Amino acid sequence: MPLWAWIIFYVLVLVMLVIDLKMFGKNGQHEVNVKEALQMTGVWIFVSLLFCAGIYFFYPVASHDKAMEFITR
């Protein structure tokens, strides 16, 4: 993979980490209810499927195989 792809990957991971910790985290402790847990799980599953689509469309060699490998592992 080219260097620019790795840089974009790491920047996106850091952005998602900041979003998860700052925007979705509440100040102080609170009890997470089932609805909130399901919503956050859905968000992260959607993000992982977007990443899989990125593998499928932008991976230079055997993109279908690599996307399927990501999904199945």
Protein backbone atom coordinates (compact mmCIF):
# COMPACT_ATOMS: atom_id res chain seq x y z
CA MET A 1 0.00 0.00 0.00
CA PRO A 2 1.24 3.53 -0.70
CA LEU A 3 2.32 5.76 2.15
CA TRP A 4 -0.59 8.17 1.63
CA ALA A 5 -3.07 5.34 2.26
CA TRP A 6 -1.44 4.53 5.60
CA ILE A 7 -1.41 8.18 6.60
CA ILE A 8 -5.13 8.52 5.80
CA PHE A 9 -5.85 5.30 7.72
CA TYR A 10 -4.08 6.48 10.87
CA VAL A 11 -5.64 9.95 10.70
CA LEU A 12 -9.11 8.41 10.39
CA VAL A 13 -8.45 6.07 13.33
CA LEU A 14 -7.36 9.01 15.48
CA VAL A 15 -10.40 11.06 14.42
CA MET A 16 -12.75 8.17 15.27
CA LEU A 17 -11.04 7.74 18.64
CA VAL A 18 -11.47 11.43 19.47
CA ILE A 19 -15.10 11.34 18.35
CA ASP A 20 -15.78 8.28 20.46
CA LEU A 21 -14.09 9.65 23.57
CA LYS A 22 -15.19 13.28 23.39
CA MET A 23 -18.48 13.51 21.53
CA PHE A 24 -20.15 10.24 22.45
CA GLY A 25 -18.76 10.03 25.96
CA LYS A 26 -20.74 11.83 28.62
CA ASN A 27 -19.06 13.95 31.27
CA GLY A 28 -19.02 11.95 34.46
CA GLN A 29 -20.30 8.44 34.80
CA HIS A 30 -23.70 7.37 33.64
CA GLU A 31 -25.42 4.07 33.11
CA VAL A 32 -25.51 3.06 29.47
CA ASN A 33 -28.95 1.80 28.52
CA VAL A 34 -29.70 -0.81 25.88
CA LYS A 35 -30.84 1.75 23.28
CA GLU A 36 -27.62 3.76 23.54
CA ALA A 37 -25.48 0.63 23.41
CA LEU A 38 -27.29 -0.62 20.30
CA GLN A 39 -26.95 2.76 18.60
CA MET A 40 -23.21 2.92 19.21
CA THR A 41 -22.78 -0.68 18.10
CA GLY A 42 -24.65 0.16 14.88
CA VAL A 43 -22.44 3.20 14.29
CA TRP A 44 -19.22 1.19 14.64
CA ILE A 45 -20.55 -1.65 12.46
CA PHE A 46 -21.40 0.94 9.79
CA VAL A 47 -17.88 2.42 10.05
CA SER A 48 -16.35 -1.05 9.64
CA LEU A 49 -18.49 -1.71 6.57
CA LEU A 50 -17.35 1.60 5.08
CA PHE A 51 -13.77 0.53 5.70
CA CYS A 52 -14.51 -2.78 3.96
CA ALA A 53 -15.91 -0.87 0.98
CA GLY A 54 -12.71 1.16 0.91
CA ILE A 55 -10.69 -2.05 0.79
CA TYR A 56 -12.87 -3.36 -2.02
CA PHE A 57 -12.63 -0.24 -4.18
CA PHE A 58 -9.10 0.97 -3.46
CA TYR A 59 -6.94 -2.09 -2.67
CA PRO A 60 -4.66 -2.57 -5.69
CA VAL A 61 -4.50 -6.40 -5.87
CA ALA A 62 -7.21 -9.00 -5.21
CA SER A 63 -9.55 -6.44 -3.67
CA HIS A 64 -12.53 -8.82 -3.49
CA ASP A 65 -10.48 -11.42 -1.64
CA LYS A 66 -9.08 -8.85 0.80
CA ALA A 67 -12.54 -7.39 1.50
CA MET A 68 -13.94 -10.86 2.15
CA GLU A 69 -11.00 -11.62 4.41
CA PHE A 70 -11.73 -8.46 6.41
CA ILE A 71 -15.40 -9.38 6.78
CA THR A 72 -14.77 -12.97 7.80
CA ARG A 73 -12.02 -12.38 10.35
